[in-house]
Protein backbone atom coordinates (compact mmCIF):
# COMPACT_ATOMS: atom_id res chain seq x y z
CA MET A 1 0.00 0.00 0.00
CA LYS A 2 1.28 3.45 -0.89
CA SER A 3 1.92 5.99 1.82
CA PHE A 4 -0.10 9.20 1.99
CA GLN A 5 2.93 11.12 0.74
CA GLU A 6 3.43 8.77 -2.24
CA LEU A 7 -0.24 9.08 -3.15
CA ILE A 8 -0.40 12.88 -3.15
CA GLU A 9 2.89 13.19 -5.06
CA GLY A 10 1.66 11.08 -7.97
CA GLU A 11 0.53 12.13 -11.45
CA LYS A 12 -3.08 11.27 -10.68
CA PRO A 13 -5.01 13.93 -8.74
CA VAL A 14 -5.94 12.85 -5.21
CA LEU A 15 -8.91 14.30 -3.36
CA VAL A 16 -8.34 14.02 0.38
CA ASP A 17 -11.33 14.21 2.69
CA PHE A 18 -10.07 15.26 6.12
CA SER A 19 -12.86 14.22 8.47
CA ALA A 20 -13.72 12.83 11.90
CA GLU A 21 -16.02 10.12 13.26
CA TRP A 22 -17.95 12.56 15.45
CA CYS A 23 -18.56 15.10 12.67
CA GLY A 24 -22.12 15.33 11.31
CA PRO A 25 -21.27 17.20 8.09
CA CYS A 26 -18.52 14.62 7.42
CA LYS A 27 -21.17 11.90 7.38
CA MET A 28 -23.09 13.97 4.81
CA MET A 29 -19.99 14.03 2.59
CA ALA A 30 -19.73 10.22 2.38
CA PRO A 31 -22.52 9.65 -0.20
CA ILE A 32 -21.40 12.78 -2.10
CA LEU A 33 -17.85 11.45 -2.39
CA LYS A 34 -19.18 8.06 -3.43
CA GLU A 35 -21.22 9.68 -6.22
CA VAL A 36 -18.25 11.76 -7.39
CA ALA A 37 -16.01 8.67 -7.33
CA GLN A 38 -18.47 6.81 -9.56
CA LYS A 39 -18.64 9.69 -12.02
CA THR A 40 -14.90 10.43 -12.20
CA GLY A 41 -13.87 6.76 -12.31
CA ASP A 42 -10.13 6.20 -12.08
CA LYS A 43 -9.20 9.75 -13.13
CA VAL A 44 -8.92 10.80 -9.51
CA SER A 45 -8.26 8.96 -6.23
CA ILE A 46 -10.44 9.83 -3.27
CA ILE A 47 -9.12 9.06 0.18
CA LYS A 48 -10.42 9.77 3.66
CA VAL A 49 -8.13 10.90 6.47
CA ASP A 50 -9.43 10.81 10.04
CA VAL A 51 -7.97 13.89 11.76
CA ASP A 52 -8.21 12.24 15.20
CA ARG A 53 -6.18 9.23 14.04
CA ASN A 54 -3.77 11.30 11.95
CA PRO A 55 -3.11 14.48 13.95
CA GLN A 56 0.23 15.07 12.19
CA ALA A 57 -1.39 15.22 8.75
CA ALA A 58 -4.13 17.48 10.11
CA ALA A 59 -1.56 19.79 11.69
CA HIS A 60 0.66 19.80 8.60
CA TYR A 61 -2.20 20.96 6.36
CA ARG A 62 -3.60 23.26 9.06
CA ILE A 63 -6.98 21.54 9.14
CA GLN A 64 -9.11 23.66 11.47
CA GLY A 65 -12.57 22.43 10.59
CA VAL A 66 -13.89 19.16 9.24
CA PRO A 67 -14.77 18.18 6.64
CA THR A 68 -11.95 19.84 4.71
CA LEU A 69 -11.34 18.67 1.16
CA ILE A 70 -7.97 19.15 -0.49
CA LEU A 71 -7.16 18.21 -4.06
CA PHE A 72 -3.49 17.31 -4.57
CA ARG A 73 -1.42 16.54 -7.64
CA LYS A 74 2.33 16.02 -7.70
CA GLY A 75 2.43 17.07 -4.04
CA GLN A 76 0.86 20.46 -4.77
CA ILE A 77 -2.45 21.69 -3.37
CA LEU A 78 -4.64 22.52 -6.37
CA TRP A 79 -7.81 23.34 -4.46
CA ARG A 80 -9.07 23.34 -0.90
CA GLN A 81 -12.40 23.93 0.79
CA SER A 82 -13.95 23.32 4.18
CA GLY A 83 -17.54 22.27 4.71
CA VAL A 84 -20.01 20.18 2.77
CA ILE A 85 -19.94 20.73 -0.99
CA PRO A 86 -22.62 19.44 -3.40
CA ALA A 87 -21.58 16.57 -5.70
CA HIS A 88 -22.04 18.53 -8.94
CA GLN A 89 -19.90 21.40 -7.65
CA LEU A 90 -17.17 19.05 -6.46
CA GLN A 91 -17.22 17.29 -9.81
CA GLN A 92 -16.79 20.61 -11.64
CA VAL A 93 -13.75 21.41 -9.50
CA ILE A 94 -12.20 18.00 -10.22
CA GLN A 95 -12.96 18.29 -13.96
CA GLN A 96 -10.92 21.51 -14.13
CA TYR A 97 -7.82 19.66 -12.96
CA ILE A 98 -8.14 16.37 -14.81
CA ALA A 99 -8.96 17.82 -18.21
């Protein structure tokens, strides 16, 4: 299995969902991310990072609220947003970077 660092430094864009078990809005993101994953196929990887289990990653990316979504490619942050985002909007963001 690739490490987080290896994943975000790859050619393929990676959408990271920084979330927490206790977070209501994070639970709302789950079906949205599933829908986006189905629509984008293998053009983008979507991974979930639990901020309580990975405090170093959360601190490194200055995650202050969950859910926070960050789109990485080749180790660079392409886009970032906190809060719940509708599937169609998230898909538009991803499309900009995979085109």
